[in-house]
């Protein structure tokens, strides 16, 4: 059993797991959703608000934080925790996703990735040593290895090359983290399994990375444009080859039902910009599907977003008022709706943990998804 990750219980009908991950800045109870703070902030939220709604760990991004304000500055300011006033754990992405998302601005080489900054065109380079140095400067509790995220669809030959390159980079990242004392100091480094839609490549990648004994593992290269069934299939073919005694993280997704489906596949950790991004456009999540507060039907609706459900500060306000703030473009709407959506995601993971412990996650998560999808369909019909 890993000294930093404890598997507390498993579901009898699915692969769902209840675990506990120890980091330098606190314990993370899994399954867990991690709010995304790409540039050292979760948009429109204060650290205190994040703590109040139950956030245990948040994300930062190596590529973006190195562009501005620069990792050396963050280090001089006491690290990312002190810089942004967040006392809990922080996971930082290595910049590997930007290999996919900024495809027109980068050149993948054997020793790393050369970028033209999306801000001003300035040249920068991220190789294994650079991404590990940046994450050490940031003081990341969980640092991700550099990897190449293939697009979808992807030719097998190109995917195989990306998998091989990512494996080489992962080995180098681990060696650097070991030699520098980063791992010995209690920081964690997670490897990333790529392979696009090729089951055998994903298995080969997972097994090769497992042999390197990383503190944790991630499923990468999903939710990059492929249909949901294919996405879930790739998660399902990857997790069985990940170490049982290490945390498992699926990167960059998804909707509430997708999270529960992936918990059922044995995933422990998730992040996604969806709850914060859609909040800024007036969409909020409920157990009966998403609700678009811009719709006319909520103009004089005095009810809170969720009646009789888990409470957060946004529950003090009516749908009518929240709709007014959204349509008026008031900044407060972003804060209140983001707070609600993040709390909804975090509370969903609380419920998942509770039901895994109780031994009835299998049936409960199917019922939850059925209610959510039926409500979403009904709301869609009303809006047409």
Protein backbone atom coordinates (compact mmCIF):
# COMPACT_ATOMS: atom_id res chain seq x y z
CA UNK A 1 0.00 0.00 0.00
CA UNK A 2 1.26 3.48 -0.88
CA UNK A 3 2.37 5.54 2.10
CA UNK A 4 0.56 8.63 0.84
CA UNK A 5 -2.64 7.09 -0.56
CA UNK A 6 -5.01 4.91 1.43
CA UNK A 7 -7.79 2.94 -0.25
CA UNK A 8 -10.57 2.94 2.34
CA UNK A 9 -13.36 1.05 0.59
CA UNK A 10 -14.59 -0.13 -2.80
CA UNK A 11 -18.03 -0.58 -4.31
CA UNK A 12 -19.26 -4.14 -4.85
CA UNK A 13 -21.05 -3.56 -8.17
CA UNK A 14 -18.72 -1.06 -9.85
CA UNK A 15 -15.04 -0.15 -9.72
CA UNK A 16 -15.77 2.92 -7.55
CA UNK A 17 -13.21 3.63 -4.83
CA UNK A 18 -13.17 5.65 -1.63
CA UNK A 19 -9.68 6.87 -0.78
CA UNK A 20 -7.52 9.38 1.09
CA UNK A 21 -4.54 11.18 -0.42
CA UNK A 22 -2.04 12.89 1.88
CA UNK A 23 -0.14 15.94 0.63
CA UNK A 24 2.13 18.61 2.10
CA UNK A 25 -0.81 20.95 2.48
CA UNK A 26 -3.46 18.60 3.74
CA UNK A 27 -5.50 15.47 3.16
CA UNK A 28 -7.68 15.01 0.07
CA UNK A 29 -10.72 12.76 0.44
CA UNK A 30 -11.51 10.96 -2.81
CA UNK A 31 -13.43 10.83 -5.12
CA UNK A 32 -12.88 14.58 -5.42
CA UNK A 33 -13.55 17.37 -7.88
CA UNK A 34 -10.83 20.03 -8.18
CA UNK A 35 -11.80 23.60 -9.16
CA UNK A 36 -9.57 25.03 -11.88
CA UNK A 37 -7.47 28.11 -11.06
CA UNK A 38 -5.39 28.30 -14.22
CA UNK A 39 -3.71 31.62 -13.53
CA UNK A 40 -3.58 31.47 -9.74
CA UNK A 41 -7.27 32.15 -9.22
CA UNK A 42 -10.55 30.28 -9.59
CA UNK A 43 -12.41 32.86 -11.63
CA UNK A 44 -14.64 35.16 -9.53
CA UNK A 45 -13.98 33.19 -6.30
CA UNK A 46 -11.93 34.05 -3.21
CA UNK A 47 -9.93 31.38 -1.37
CA UNK A 48 -12.26 31.80 1.62
CA UNK A 49 -15.30 31.10 -0.54
CA UNK A 50 -13.63 27.98 -1.93
CA UNK A 51 -12.93 26.70 1.58
CA UNK A 52 -16.50 27.42 2.65
CA UNK A 53 -18.02 25.30 -0.13
CA UNK A 54 -15.71 22.37 0.60
CA UNK A 55 -12.95 22.67 -2.00
CA UNK A 56 -10.05 20.50 -0.88
CA UNK A 57 -7.58 21.01 -3.73
CA UNK A 58 -7.38 23.41 -6.67
CA UNK A 59 -5.46 23.55 -9.94
CA UNK A 60 -2.90 25.90 -11.42
CA UNK A 61 -1.27 25.73 -14.85
CA UNK A 62 2.47 25.58 -15.49
CA UNK A 63 2.33 27.10 -18.97
CA UNK A 64 0.16 30.07 -18.04
CA UNK A 65 1.78 30.88 -14.69
CA UNK A 66 5.22 30.73 -16.24
CA UNK A 67 4.14 33.29 -18.86
CA UNK A 68 2.75 35.63 -16.22
CA UNK A 69 3.72 36.49 -13.61
CA UNK A 70 6.62 34.03 -14.02
CA UNK A 71 7.53 31.12 -11.76
CA UNK A 72 10.64 32.84 -10.38
CA UNK A 73 8.50 35.72 -9.13
CA UNK A 74 6.01 33.30 -7.57
CA UNK A 75 8.89 31.52 -5.85
CA UNK A 76 10.24 34.83 -4.53
CA UNK A 77 6.77 35.60 -3.15
CA UNK A 78 6.79 32.38 -1.13
CA UNK A 79 5.32 29.99 -3.67
CA UNK A 80 1.87 29.75 -5.22
CA UNK A 81 0.10 29.00 -1.93
CA UNK A 82 1.32 32.21 -0.32
CA UNK A 83 1.01 34.21 -3.55
CA UNK A 84 -2.69 33.48 -3.98
CA UNK A 85 -3.62 33.02 -0.32
CA UNK A 86 -4.68 29.37 -0.61
CA UNK A 87 -3.65 27.08 2.24
CA UNK A 88 -4.85 23.76 0.80
CA UNK A 89 -3.22 21.43 -1.74
CA UNK A 90 -2.49 22.62 -5.29
CA UNK A 91 -2.12 20.43 -8.38
CA UNK A 92 -0.41 22.00 -11.39
CA UNK A 93 -0.80 20.80 -14.95
CA UNK A 94 2.51 20.58 -16.78
CA UNK A 95 1.43 22.43 -19.90
CA UNK A 96 0.91 19.19 -21.80
CA UNK A 97 -2.68 20.12 -22.62
CA UNK A 98 -1.42 23.28 -24.29
CA UNK A 99 0.41 20.97 -26.72
CA UNK A 100 -3.10 20.10 -27.91
CA UNK A 101 -4.98 23.36 -27.38
CA UNK A 102 -2.26 25.62 -28.83
CA UNK A 103 -1.39 23.34 -31.74
CA UNK A 104 -0.95 26.27 -34.13
CA UNK A 105 1.54 27.96 -31.79
CA UNK A 106 3.88 25.10 -30.91
CA UNK A 107 6.46 22.73 -32.33
CA UNK A 108 6.82 19.31 -30.68
CA UNK A 109 10.44 18.15 -30.55
CA UNK A 110 12.09 15.11 -29.03
CA UNK A 111 13.42 17.18 -26.12
CA UNK A 112 10.20 19.11 -25.43
CA UNK A 113 7.82 21.66 -26.92
CA UNK A 114 8.68 25.07 -28.37
CA UNK A 115 5.84 27.58 -28.08
CA UNK A 116 5.06 31.01 -29.40
CA UNK A 117 3.31 32.77 -26.54
CA UNK A 118 -0.40 33.23 -27.15
CA UNK A 119 -0.03 36.62 -25.44
CA UNK A 120 2.72 38.35 -27.43
CA UNK A 121 4.37 35.74 -29.65
CA UNK A 122 7.48 35.48 -27.47
CA UNK A 123 9.38 32.21 -27.84
CA UNK A 124 9.43 29.77 -24.93
CA UNK A 125 10.38 26.14 -24.46
CA UNK A 126 9.01 23.47 -22.14
CA UNK A 127 10.94 20.25 -21.71
CA UNK A 128 10.93 17.87 -18.74
CA UNK A 129 13.51 19.92 -16.83
CA UNK A 130 11.70 23.18 -17.49
CA UNK A 131 8.27 21.94 -16.38
CA UNK A 132 9.67 20.34 -13.23
CA UNK A 133 11.67 23.46 -12.37
CA UNK A 134 8.61 25.67 -12.85
CA UNK A 135 6.46 23.40 -10.67
CA UNK A 136 9.17 23.34 -7.99
CA UNK A 137 9.19 27.14 -8.08
CA UNK A 138 5.43 27.18 -7.70
CA UNK A 139 5.62 24.74 -4.78
CA UNK A 140 3.07 22.36 -6.28
CA UNK A 141 1.79 19.61 -4.00
CA UNK A 142 1.03 17.51 -7.08
CA UNK A 143 3.08 18.12 -10.22
CA UNK A 144 2.17 16.59 -13.56
CA UNK A 145 4.77 15.22 -15.97
CA UNK A 146 5.17 16.74 -19.42
CA UNK A 147 3.26 14.77 -22.02
CA UNK A 148 2.01 15.07 -25.57
CA UNK A 149 -1.78 15.06 -25.82
CA UNK A 150 -2.75 13.74 -29.30
CA UNK A 151 -5.79 15.24 -31.03
CA UNK A 152 -8.93 13.34 -31.98
CA UNK A 153 -9.10 11.77 -34.46
CA UNK A 154 -5.49 10.67 -34.54
CA UNK A 155 -3.61 8.32 -36.84
CA UNK A 156 -2.15 5.29 -35.06
CA UNK A 157 1.43 6.01 -36.12
CA UNK A 158 1.29 9.57 -34.80
CA UNK A 159 -0.36 8.40 -31.58
CA UNK A 160 2.26 5.70 -31.01
CA UNK A 161 5.00 8.30 -31.45
CA UNK A 162 3.28 10.61 -28.93
CA UNK A 163 2.93 7.76 -26.43
CA UNK A 164 6.62 6.83 -26.76
CA UNK A 165 7.69 10.47 -26.47
CA UNK A 166 5.47 10.99 -23.42
CA UNK A 167 6.97 7.91 -21.75
CA UNK A 168 10.50 9.22 -22.27
CA UNK A 169 9.53 12.61 -20.87
CA UNK A 170 7.83 10.95 -17.87
CA UNK A 171 11.00 9.03 -17.02
CA UNK A 172 13.02 12.24 -17.22
CA UNK A 173 10.51 14.14 -15.05
CA UNK A 174 10.69 11.45 -12.40
CA UNK A 175 14.48 11.41 -12.44
CA UNK A 176 14.59 15.19 -12.09
CA UNK A 177 12.06 15.11 -9.24
CA UNK A 178 14.14 12.45 -7.49
CA UNK A 179 17.54 14.07 -8.00
CA UNK A 180 16.31 17.52 -6.93
CA UNK A 181 14.75 16.23 -3.70
CA UNK A 182 11.25 17.25 -4.83
CA UNK A 183 9.78 13.78 -4.15
CA UNK A 184 11.72 13.30 -0.92
CA UNK A 185 10.31 16.60 0.38
CA UNK A 186 6.79 15.18 0.13
CA UNK A 187 5.67 16.60 -3.21
CA UNK A 188 3.93 14.18 -5.58
CA UNK A 189 4.47 13.68 -9.30
CA UNK A 190 1.71 12.10 -11.39
CA UNK A 191 2.30 10.33 -14.70
CA UNK A 192 -0.17 10.68 -17.59
CA UNK A 193 -1.42 7.79 -19.73
CA UNK A 194 -1.99 8.70 -23.37
CA UNK A 195 -3.08 6.54 -26.29
CA UNK A 196 -6.06 8.30 -27.87
CA UNK A 197 -8.63 5.68 -28.96
CA UNK A 198 -6.15 2.81 -29.31
CA UNK A 199 -6.78 0.36 -26.46
CA UNK A 200 -3.49 -1.47 -26.85
CA UNK A 201 -1.46 1.75 -26.79
CA UNK A 202 -3.23 2.87 -23.63
CA UNK A 203 -2.51 -0.47 -21.97
CA UNK A 204 1.15 -0.36 -23.00
CA UNK A 205 1.48 3.20 -21.72
CA UNK A 206 -0.25 2.43 -18.42
CA UNK A 207 1.86 -0.65 -17.76
CA UNK A 208 5.13 1.08 -18.66
CA UNK A 209 4.33 4.05 -16.41
CA UNK A 210 3.17 1.80 -13.57
CA UNK A 211 6.60 0.15 -13.63
CA UNK A 212 8.16 3.56 -12.88
CA UNK A 213 6.29 3.74 -9.55
CA UNK A 214 4.90 7.27 -9.69
CA UNK A 215 2.92 8.58 -6.68
CA UNK A 216 -0.18 8.89 -8.89
CA UNK A 217 -1.51 8.38 -12.40
CA UNK A 218 -3.78 10.27 -14.77
CA UNK A 219 -5.87 9.36 -17.80
CA UNK A 220 -4.96 11.96 -20.42
CA UNK A 221 -6.09 12.63 -23.96
CA UNK A 222 -9.83 12.29 -23.35
CA UNK A 223 -12.52 14.95 -23.85
CA UNK A 224 -10.59 16.34 -26.82
CA UNK A 225 -13.51 16.17 -29.25
CA UNK A 226 -14.41 12.49 -29.28
CA UNK A 227 -18.02 11.31 -28.61
CA UNK A 228 -18.88 10.63 -24.97
CA UNK A 229 -19.18 6.83 -25.41
CA UNK A 230 -15.65 6.72 -26.85
CA UNK A 231 -14.35 8.93 -24.06
CA UNK A 232 -15.81 6.69 -21.35
CA UNK A 233 -14.57 3.62 -23.19
CA UNK A 234 -10.99 4.89 -23.10
CA UNK A 235 -11.22 5.68 -19.40
CA UNK A 236 -12.60 2.18 -18.85
CA UNK A 237 -9.81 0.46 -20.76
CA UNK A 238 -7.11 2.47 -18.97
CA UNK A 239 -7.97 2.32 -15.26
CA UNK A 240 -7.64 -1.51 -14.92
CA UNK A 241 -3.93 -1.18 -15.76
CA UNK A 242 -3.26 1.60 -13.26
CA UNK A 243 -1.85 0.65 -9.84
CA UNK A 244 -4.61 -0.11 -7.33
CA UNK A 245 -2.76 1.59 -4.47
CA UNK A 246 -2.21 4.92 -6.23
CA UNK A 247 -4.68 7.76 -6.93
CA UNK A 248 -6.22 7.90 -10.40
CA UNK A 249 -7.04 11.20 -12.07
CA UNK A 250 -8.97 11.89 -15.28
CA UNK A 251 -7.95 15.25 -16.68
CA UNK A 252 -10.20 18.03 -17.91
CA UNK A 253 -13.80 16.80 -17.67
CA UNK A 254 -16.79 16.65 -17.36
CA UNK A 255 -20.54 17.01 -16.76
CA UNK A 256 -22.02 15.77 -13.46
CA UNK A 257 -23.24 12.46 -14.97
CA UNK A 258 -19.84 11.93 -16.61
CA UNK A 259 -18.11 12.34 -13.26
CA UNK A 260 -20.30 9.67 -11.66
CA UNK A 261 -19.78 7.34 -14.62
CA UNK A 262 -16.03 7.72 -14.26
CA UNK A 263 -16.15 7.21 -10.51
CA UNK A 264 -17.86 3.92 -11.36
CA UNK A 265 -14.88 3.14 -13.64
CA UNK A 266 -12.43 3.57 -10.77
CA UNK A 267 -11.35 7.21 -11.11
CA UNK A 268 -10.57 9.19 -7.94
CA UNK A 269 -9.88 12.77 -9.06
CA UNK A 270 -11.37 15.19 -11.60
CA UNK A 271 -11.01 18.76 -12.80
CA UNK A 272 -12.99 20.77 -15.32
CA UNK A 273 -13.59 24.41 -16.26
CA UNK A 274 -17.23 23.65 -17.13
CA UNK A 275 -18.91 24.69 -13.83
CA UNK A 276 -17.11 28.05 -13.76
CA UNK A 277 -17.33 28.74 -17.50
CA UNK A 278 -21.07 28.14 -17.89
CA UNK A 279 -21.82 30.07 -14.70
CA UNK A 280 -20.55 33.20 -16.40
CA UNK A 281 -23.26 32.69 -19.03
CA UNK A 282 -26.15 32.11 -16.63
CA UNK A 283 -26.26 28.29 -16.60
CA UNK A 284 -26.47 26.48 -13.26
CA UNK A 285 -26.61 22.81 -12.31
CA UNK A 286 -29.42 21.09 -10.41
CA UNK A 287 -30.30 17.46 -9.64
CA UNK A 288 -32.88 17.78 -12.42
CA UNK A 289 -30.43 18.90 -15.06
CA UNK A 290 -28.90 22.25 -16.00
CA UNK A 291 -31.00 25.42 -15.70
CA UNK A 292 -30.49 28.41 -18.00
CA UNK A 293 -31.40 31.43 -15.88
CA UNK A 294 -31.56 33.62 -18.99
CA UNK A 295 -34.85 31.95 -19.93
CA UNK A 296 -38.00 34.06 -19.58
CA UNK A 297 -39.68 31.49 -17.31
CA UNK A 298 -37.44 32.57 -14.41
CA UNK A 299 -38.16 36.31 -14.70
CA UNK A 300 -40.50 36.32 -11.68
CA UNK A 301 -39.48 33.02 -10.07
CA UNK A 302 -39.04 33.59 -6.31
CA UNK A 303 -37.58 30.14 -5.62
CA UNK A 304 -33.88 29.45 -5.02
CA UNK A 305 -31.99 27.48 -7.68
CA UNK A 306 -32.47 24.22 -5.76
CA UNK A 307 -35.40 23.86 -3.39
CA UNK A 308 -34.70 21.87 -0.25
CA UNK A 309 -31.26 20.80 -1.45
CA UNK A 310 -27.72 21.34 -0.15
CA UNK A 311 -27.32 24.95 0.86
CA UNK A 312 -24.70 27.51 -0.05
CA UNK A 313 -24.71 31.31 0.02
CA UNK A 314 -26.29 31.54 -3.44
CA UNK A 315 -29.35 29.80 -2.01
CA UNK A 316 -30.26 33.08 -0.30
CA UNK A 317 -31.24 34.59 -3.64
CA UNK A 318 -34.17 33.96 -5.97
CA UNK A 319 -33.94 32.73 -9.51
CA UNK A 320 -35.50 36.03 -10.56
CA UNK A 321 -32.74 38.06 -8.91
CA UNK A 322 -29.97 35.85 -10.25
CA UNK A 323 -31.50 36.12 -13.72
CA UNK A 324 -31.59 39.91 -13.37
CA UNK A 325 -27.91 40.04 -12.42
CA UNK A 326 -27.00 37.80 -15.35
CA UNK A 327 -28.92 39.79 -17.94
CA UNK A 328 -27.63 43.07 -16.53
CA UNK A 329 -24.05 41.84 -16.83
CA UNK A 330 -23.39 42.42 -13.14
CA UNK A 331 -20.12 40.94 -11.84
CA UNK A 332 -21.95 39.56 -8.79
CA UNK A 333 -23.78 37.09 -11.04
CA UNK A 334 -20.45 35.43 -11.91
CA UNK A 335 -19.55 35.02 -8.24
CA UNK A 336 -22.92 33.72 -7.09
CA UNK A 337 -23.47 31.31 -9.97
CA UNK A 338 -19.88 30.03 -9.89
CA UNK A 339 -20.17 29.46 -6.16
CA UNK A 340 -23.35 27.48 -6.71
CA UNK A 341 -21.96 25.35 -9.54
CA UNK A 342 -18.71 24.51 -7.77
CA UNK A 343 -20.62 23.61 -4.61
CA UNK A 344 -22.91 21.39 -6.68
CA UNK A 345 -19.91 19.49 -8.08
CA UNK A 346 -18.17 19.25 -4.70
CA UNK A 347 -21.35 18.08 -2.96
CA UNK A 348 -21.88 15.47 -5.66
CA UNK A 349 -18.49 14.01 -4.75
CA UNK A 350 -19.45 14.08 -1.06
CA UNK A 351 -22.54 12.05 -1.94
CA UNK A 352 -20.45 9.65 -4.01
CA UNK A 353 -18.04 9.07 -1.13
CA UNK A 354 -20.94 8.48 1.24
CA UNK A 355 -22.58 5.92 -1.04
CA UNK A 356 -19.32 4.08 -1.74
CA UNK A 357 -18.83 3.75 2.02
CA UNK A 358 -22.42 2.57 2.42
CA UNK A 359 -21.95 -0.03 -0.32
CA UNK A 360 -24.81 1.16 -2.53
CA UNK A 361 -23.01 3.43 -4.99
CA UNK A 362 -23.87 1.18 -7.97
CA UNK A 363 -27.61 1.65 -7.73
CA UNK A 364 -27.53 5.18 -6.37
CA UNK A 365 -25.40 6.64 -9.17
CA UNK A 366 -27.64 5.14 -11.88
CA UNK A 367 -30.73 6.63 -10.23
CA UNK A 368 -29.02 10.00 -9.87
CA UNK A 369 -28.00 10.06 -13.54
CA UNK A 370 -31.48 8.98 -14.67
CA UNK A 371 -33.13 11.83 -12.73
CA UNK A 372 -30.61 14.38 -14.04
CA UNK A 373 -30.96 13.33 -17.66
CA UNK A 374 -34.78 13.13 -17.50
CA UNK A 375 -34.92 16.64 -16.02
CA UNK A 376 -32.51 17.96 -18.63
CA UNK A 377 -34.64 16.54 -21.42
CA UNK A 378 -37.81 18.04 -19.92
CA UNK A 379 -36.23 21.49 -19.62
CA UNK A 380 -35.02 21.27 -23.20
CA UNK A 381 -38.54 20.53 -24.42
CA UNK A 382 -39.92 23.53 -22.52
CA UNK A 383 -37.33 25.87 -24.01
CA UNK A 384 -38.07 24.88 -27.61
